[in-house]
């Protein structure tokens, strides 16, 4: 069983930055496909970014968010710059050893609130 723990959320003004962290208990976490999702109040959960051997972003965050990993720390990051109120949501990290399909492991989420 893999445990994922997110941190780094908080309240920030529009235009500001936050860095989210997703720390994993898994061995060889570098082999896992890891993604960030978010869910705003009253909305469905949506994909934000993914990292495997490459990275992929949803259009609304391209150029503003960067996903990266530190394999020595078993941690994946989401650097969020130029934040806008529409980025307000609970952010979740998810992981899978499989390179396609659903994600098997999820964190508890961290709240990001962007004020205008």
N, C-alpha and C. Protein backbone atom coordinates (compact mmCIF):
# COMPACT_ATOMS: atom_id res chain seq x y z
N UNK A 1 0.83 -1.18 0.00
CA UNK A 1 0.00 0.00 0.00
C UNK A 1 0.88 1.25 0.00
N UNK A 2 0.57 2.16 -0.89
CA UNK A 2 1.33 3.40 -1.01
C UNK A 2 0.54 4.52 -0.34
N UNK A 3 1.20 5.27 0.50
CA UNK A 3 0.58 6.43 1.12
C UNK A 3 1.14 7.70 0.48
N UNK A 4 0.23 8.63 0.18
CA UNK A 4 0.60 9.91 -0.40
C UNK A 4 0.14 11.01 0.55
N UNK A 5 1.02 11.95 0.82
CA UNK A 5 0.69 13.04 1.73
C UNK A 5 1.01 14.36 1.03
N UNK A 6 -0.04 15.15 0.80
CA UNK A 6 0.13 16.45 0.17
C UNK A 6 0.37 17.53 1.24
N UNK A 7 1.07 18.56 0.85
CA UNK A 7 1.28 19.71 1.71
C UNK A 7 1.56 20.92 0.84
N UNK A 8 1.54 22.10 1.46
CA UNK A 8 1.90 23.31 0.74
C UNK A 8 0.75 24.20 0.34
N UNK A 9 -0.47 23.75 0.58
CA UNK A 9 -1.60 24.59 0.23
C UNK A 9 -1.72 25.79 1.16
N UNK A 10 -2.63 26.70 0.80
CA UNK A 10 -2.83 27.88 1.64
C UNK A 10 -3.60 28.95 0.92
N UNK A 11 -3.60 30.13 1.50
CA UNK A 11 -4.29 31.29 0.94
C UNK A 11 -3.26 32.22 0.30
N UNK A 12 -3.51 32.61 -0.93
CA UNK A 12 -2.59 33.49 -1.64
C UNK A 12 -3.39 34.46 -2.48
N UNK A 13 -2.83 35.63 -2.71
CA UNK A 13 -3.49 36.62 -3.56
C UNK A 13 -3.28 36.26 -5.03
N UNK A 14 -4.20 36.72 -5.85
CA UNK A 14 -4.06 36.52 -7.29
C UNK A 14 -2.71 37.06 -7.77
N UNK A 15 -2.07 36.30 -8.62
CA UNK A 15 -0.74 36.65 -9.11
C UNK A 15 0.37 36.03 -8.30
N UNK A 16 0.04 35.46 -7.17
CA UNK A 16 1.04 34.86 -6.31
C UNK A 16 1.39 33.44 -6.70
N UNK A 17 2.21 32.81 -5.87
CA UNK A 17 2.71 31.46 -6.14
C UNK A 17 2.59 30.57 -4.92
N UNK A 18 2.46 29.30 -5.18
CA UNK A 18 2.51 28.27 -4.14
C UNK A 18 3.23 27.06 -4.72
N UNK A 19 3.86 26.28 -3.86
CA UNK A 19 4.42 25.00 -4.29
C UNK A 19 3.81 23.89 -3.44
N UNK A 20 3.13 22.98 -4.10
CA UNK A 20 2.56 21.82 -3.44
C UNK A 20 3.55 20.67 -3.48
N UNK A 21 3.53 19.86 -2.43
CA UNK A 21 4.38 18.68 -2.36
C UNK A 21 3.52 17.45 -2.16
N UNK A 22 3.96 16.35 -2.73
CA UNK A 22 3.30 15.06 -2.58
C UNK A 22 4.39 14.07 -2.19
N UNK A 23 4.41 13.70 -0.91
CA UNK A 23 5.41 12.76 -0.41
C UNK A 23 4.84 11.37 -0.38
N UNK A 24 5.63 10.41 -0.87
CA UNK A 24 5.14 9.04 -1.01
C UNK A 24 5.92 8.08 -0.14
N UNK A 25 5.22 7.02 0.29
CA UNK A 25 5.86 5.99 1.09
C UNK A 25 6.41 4.86 0.24
N UNK A 26 6.16 4.91 -1.07
CA UNK A 26 6.50 3.79 -1.95
C UNK A 26 7.98 3.69 -2.20
N UNK A 27 8.45 2.43 -2.31
CA UNK A 27 9.79 2.21 -2.83
C UNK A 27 9.76 2.45 -4.33
N UNK A 28 10.87 2.87 -4.85
CA UNK A 28 10.99 3.10 -6.29
C UNK A 28 9.88 4.01 -6.81
N UNK A 29 9.60 5.06 -6.05
CA UNK A 29 8.54 5.99 -6.45
C UNK A 29 8.84 6.61 -7.80
N UNK A 30 10.11 6.62 -8.18
CA UNK A 30 10.47 7.20 -9.47
C UNK A 30 9.83 6.44 -10.62
N UNK A 31 9.43 5.19 -10.39
CA UNK A 31 8.80 4.39 -11.42
C UNK A 31 7.30 4.62 -11.53
N UNK A 32 6.75 5.41 -10.64
CA UNK A 32 5.31 5.62 -10.64
C UNK A 32 4.91 6.79 -11.53
N UNK A 33 3.79 6.65 -12.17
CA UNK A 33 3.10 7.76 -12.84
C UNK A 33 2.37 8.53 -11.74
N UNK A 34 2.61 9.83 -11.69
CA UNK A 34 2.03 10.66 -10.63
C UNK A 34 1.33 11.85 -11.27
N UNK A 35 0.18 12.18 -10.74
CA UNK A 35 -0.60 13.29 -11.28
C UNK A 35 -1.15 14.15 -10.16
N UNK A 36 -1.46 15.37 -10.51
CA UNK A 36 -2.21 16.27 -9.65
C UNK A 36 -3.60 16.48 -10.25
N UNK A 37 -4.59 16.41 -9.38
CA UNK A 37 -5.96 16.72 -9.73
C UNK A 37 -6.45 17.83 -8.80
N UNK A 38 -7.56 18.43 -9.14
CA UNK A 38 -8.15 19.42 -8.25
C UNK A 38 -9.67 19.35 -8.33
N UNK A 39 -10.30 19.78 -7.25
CA UNK A 39 -11.76 19.82 -7.21
C UNK A 39 -12.21 21.09 -6.53
N UNK A 40 -12.89 21.92 -7.30
CA UNK A 40 -13.44 23.15 -6.77
C UNK A 40 -14.83 22.90 -6.21
N UNK A 41 -15.31 23.75 -5.31
CA UNK A 41 -16.64 23.55 -4.74
C UNK A 41 -17.72 23.47 -5.82
N UNK A 42 -18.53 22.44 -5.75
CA UNK A 42 -19.63 22.29 -6.69
C UNK A 42 -19.23 21.81 -8.06
N UNK A 43 -17.96 21.48 -8.23
CA UNK A 43 -17.48 21.03 -9.54
C UNK A 43 -16.89 19.63 -9.44
N UNK A 44 -16.77 18.99 -10.60
CA UNK A 44 -16.17 17.67 -10.63
C UNK A 44 -14.64 17.79 -10.52
N UNK A 45 -14.04 16.73 -10.06
CA UNK A 45 -12.58 16.69 -9.99
C UNK A 45 -12.01 16.74 -11.41
N UNK A 46 -10.94 17.53 -11.58
CA UNK A 46 -10.35 17.64 -12.90
C UNK A 46 -8.85 17.40 -12.84
N UNK A 47 -8.34 16.89 -13.93
CA UNK A 47 -6.91 16.63 -14.09
C UNK A 47 -6.17 17.96 -14.22
N UNK A 48 -4.99 18.04 -13.60
CA UNK A 48 -4.17 19.26 -13.70
C UNK A 48 -2.85 18.98 -14.42
N UNK A 49 -2.09 18.00 -13.95
CA UNK A 49 -0.77 17.74 -14.54
C UNK A 49 -0.34 16.32 -14.19
N UNK A 50 0.58 15.78 -15.02
CA UNK A 50 1.04 14.42 -14.83
C UNK A 50 2.53 14.35 -15.13
N UNK A 51 3.23 13.48 -14.43
CA UNK A 51 4.64 13.26 -14.72
C UNK A 51 4.93 11.77 -14.78
N UNK A 52 5.61 11.39 -15.85
CA UNK A 52 6.15 10.05 -15.99
C UNK A 52 7.60 10.26 -16.40
N UNK A 53 7.92 9.83 -17.60
CA UNK A 53 9.24 10.21 -18.14
C UNK A 53 9.13 11.57 -18.80
N UNK A 54 7.93 12.05 -18.99
CA UNK A 54 7.70 13.39 -19.48
C UNK A 54 6.59 14.03 -18.64
N UNK A 55 6.17 15.21 -19.03
CA UNK A 55 5.12 15.91 -18.30
C UNK A 55 3.99 16.30 -19.24
N UNK A 56 2.82 16.46 -18.65
CA UNK A 56 1.63 16.84 -19.43
C UNK A 56 0.74 17.69 -18.55
N UNK A 57 0.14 18.73 -19.15
CA UNK A 57 -0.67 19.69 -18.40
C UNK A 57 -2.01 19.91 -19.07
N UNK A 58 -3.01 20.20 -18.27
CA UNK A 58 -4.25 20.65 -18.84
C UNK A 58 -4.05 22.08 -19.36
N UNK A 59 -4.81 22.44 -20.37
CA UNK A 59 -4.57 23.72 -21.05
C UNK A 59 -4.63 24.92 -20.11
N UNK A 60 -5.51 24.89 -19.13
CA UNK A 60 -5.72 26.07 -18.30
C UNK A 60 -4.53 26.41 -17.39
N UNK A 61 -3.59 25.48 -17.23
CA UNK A 61 -2.45 25.75 -16.35
C UNK A 61 -1.12 25.79 -17.11
N UNK A 62 -1.14 25.51 -18.39
CA UNK A 62 0.10 25.52 -19.18
C UNK A 62 0.76 26.88 -19.10
N UNK A 63 2.06 26.86 -18.86
CA UNK A 63 2.82 28.10 -18.76
C UNK A 63 2.79 28.71 -17.37
N UNK A 64 1.92 28.21 -16.50
CA UNK A 64 1.84 28.74 -15.13
C UNK A 64 2.26 27.71 -14.09
N UNK A 65 1.93 26.45 -14.31
CA UNK A 65 2.23 25.37 -13.36
C UNK A 65 3.35 24.51 -13.91
N UNK A 66 4.16 23.96 -12.99
CA UNK A 66 5.22 23.03 -13.36
C UNK A 66 5.22 21.85 -12.41
N UNK A 67 5.13 20.66 -12.97
CA UNK A 67 5.20 19.44 -12.16
C UNK A 67 6.62 18.90 -12.26
N UNK A 68 7.16 18.45 -11.13
CA UNK A 68 8.52 17.91 -11.10
C UNK A 68 8.62 16.88 -10.00
N UNK A 69 9.75 16.17 -9.97
CA UNK A 69 9.92 15.16 -8.92
C UNK A 69 11.35 15.15 -8.43
N UNK A 70 11.48 14.81 -7.16
CA UNK A 70 12.79 14.60 -6.54
C UNK A 70 12.81 13.15 -6.09
N UNK A 71 13.44 12.30 -6.87
CA UNK A 71 13.41 10.87 -6.59
C UNK A 71 14.11 10.52 -5.28
N UNK A 72 15.11 11.28 -4.93
CA UNK A 72 15.82 11.01 -3.68
C UNK A 72 14.93 11.25 -2.46
N UNK A 73 13.94 12.13 -2.62
CA UNK A 73 13.02 12.45 -1.53
C UNK A 73 11.67 11.79 -1.69
N UNK A 74 11.51 10.99 -2.75
CA UNK A 74 10.21 10.33 -2.99
C UNK A 74 9.08 11.36 -3.01
N UNK A 75 9.31 12.47 -3.66
CA UNK A 75 8.36 13.57 -3.63
C UNK A 75 8.14 14.13 -5.03
N UNK A 76 6.89 14.47 -5.30
CA UNK A 76 6.51 15.15 -6.53
C UNK A 76 6.00 16.53 -6.13
N UNK A 77 6.34 17.53 -6.92
CA UNK A 77 5.96 18.90 -6.63
C UNK A 77 5.04 19.46 -7.72
N UNK A 78 4.27 20.45 -7.34
CA UNK A 78 3.51 21.24 -8.30
C UNK A 78 3.78 22.70 -7.97
N UNK A 79 4.62 23.33 -8.79
CA UNK A 79 4.89 24.74 -8.64
C UNK A 79 3.81 25.52 -9.37
N UNK A 80 3.11 26.37 -8.66
CA UNK A 80 1.99 27.11 -9.24
C UNK A 80 2.30 28.60 -9.19
N UNK A 81 2.43 29.20 -10.35
CA UNK A 81 2.71 30.63 -10.47
C UNK A 81 1.54 31.35 -11.13
N UNK A 82 1.53 32.67 -10.99
CA UNK A 82 0.48 33.49 -11.62
C UNK A 82 -0.90 32.95 -11.30
N UNK A 83 -1.12 32.66 -10.04
CA UNK A 83 -2.39 32.05 -9.63
C UNK A 83 -3.55 33.01 -9.84
N UNK A 84 -4.68 32.43 -10.20
CA UNK A 84 -5.91 33.19 -10.41
C UNK A 84 -7.00 32.59 -9.52
N UNK A 85 -8.05 33.36 -9.24
CA UNK A 85 -9.12 32.82 -8.36
C UNK A 85 -9.70 31.49 -8.84
N UNK A 86 -9.71 31.29 -10.15
CA UNK A 86 -10.25 30.04 -10.70
C UNK A 86 -9.41 28.82 -10.35
N UNK A 87 -8.22 29.04 -9.81
CA UNK A 87 -7.38 27.92 -9.37
C UNK A 87 -7.76 27.44 -7.97
N UNK A 88 -8.67 28.15 -7.33
CA UNK A 88 -9.09 27.75 -5.98
C UNK A 88 -9.75 26.38 -6.02
N UNK A 89 -9.23 25.46 -5.19
CA UNK A 89 -9.73 24.08 -5.18
C UNK A 89 -8.96 23.30 -4.11
N UNK A 90 -9.44 22.10 -3.87
CA UNK A 90 -8.65 21.12 -3.12
C UNK A 90 -7.81 20.36 -4.15
N UNK A 91 -6.53 20.33 -3.92
CA UNK A 91 -5.60 19.67 -4.83
C UNK A 91 -5.20 18.31 -4.27
N UNK A 92 -5.27 17.29 -5.13
CA UNK A 92 -4.94 15.93 -4.76
C UNK A 92 -3.81 15.40 -5.64
N UNK A 93 -2.91 14.64 -5.04
CA UNK A 93 -1.98 13.90 -5.88
C UNK A 93 -2.43 12.45 -5.94
N UNK A 94 -2.09 11.82 -7.03
CA UNK A 94 -2.49 10.44 -7.29
C UNK A 94 -1.33 9.73 -7.97
N UNK A 95 -1.23 8.43 -7.75
CA UNK A 95 -0.11 7.67 -8.29
C UNK A 95 -0.53 6.28 -8.71
N UNK A 96 0.22 5.76 -9.68
CA UNK A 96 0.02 4.38 -10.11
C UNK A 96 1.33 3.85 -10.64
N UNK A 97 1.59 2.57 -10.39
CA UNK A 97 2.77 1.93 -10.95
C UNK A 97 2.55 1.64 -12.43
N UNK A 98 1.29 1.55 -12.82
CA UNK A 98 0.96 1.34 -14.21
C UNK A 98 1.05 2.66 -14.97
N UNK A 99 1.45 2.58 -16.20
CA UNK A 99 1.67 3.79 -16.98
C UNK A 99 0.43 4.28 -17.71
N UNK A 100 -0.64 3.51 -17.65
CA UNK A 100 -1.91 3.95 -18.22
C UNK A 100 -3.04 3.50 -17.30
N UNK A 101 -4.22 4.04 -17.53
CA UNK A 101 -5.37 3.62 -16.74
C UNK A 101 -5.56 4.46 -15.49
N UNK A 102 -6.39 3.94 -14.61
CA UNK A 102 -6.75 4.71 -13.42
C UNK A 102 -5.58 4.78 -12.45
N UNK A 103 -5.69 5.76 -11.56
CA UNK A 103 -4.70 5.91 -10.50
C UNK A 103 -5.16 5.11 -9.28
N UNK A 104 -4.23 4.39 -8.68
CA UNK A 104 -4.58 3.47 -7.60
C UNK A 104 -4.47 4.10 -6.22
N UNK A 105 -3.67 5.13 -6.09
CA UNK A 105 -3.40 5.70 -4.77
C UNK A 105 -3.66 7.20 -4.81
N UNK A 106 -4.29 7.68 -3.75
CA UNK A 106 -4.65 9.10 -3.66
C UNK A 106 -4.27 9.66 -2.30
N UNK A 107 -3.89 10.93 -2.31
CA UNK A 107 -3.66 11.62 -1.06
C UNK A 107 -4.95 12.20 -0.50
N UNK A 108 -4.83 12.87 0.62
CA UNK A 108 -6.01 13.39 1.31
C UNK A 108 -6.40 14.77 0.81
N UNK A 109 -5.53 15.42 0.07
CA UNK A 109 -5.84 16.72 -0.51
C UNK A 109 -5.31 17.87 0.32
N UNK A 110 -5.05 18.97 -0.35
CA UNK A 110 -4.62 20.20 0.32
C UNK A 110 -5.35 21.37 -0.32
N UNK A 111 -5.86 22.28 0.51
CA UNK A 111 -6.68 23.38 0.02
C UNK A 111 -5.81 24.51 -0.51
N UNK A 112 -6.16 24.98 -1.68
CA UNK A 112 -5.54 26.18 -2.26
C UNK A 112 -6.65 27.20 -2.49
N UNK A 113 -6.47 28.38 -1.92
CA UNK A 113 -7.44 29.45 -2.07
C UNK A 113 -6.74 30.69 -2.62
N UNK A 114 -7.24 31.18 -3.75
CA UNK A 114 -6.65 32.35 -4.39
C UNK A 114 -7.66 33.49 -4.29
N UNK A 115 -7.27 34.56 -3.62
CA UNK A 115 -8.16 35.70 -3.45
C UNK A 115 -7.92 36.73 -4.55
N UNK A 116 -8.99 37.41 -4.90
CA UNK A 116 -8.89 38.42 -5.98
C UNK A 116 -8.54 39.78 -5.43
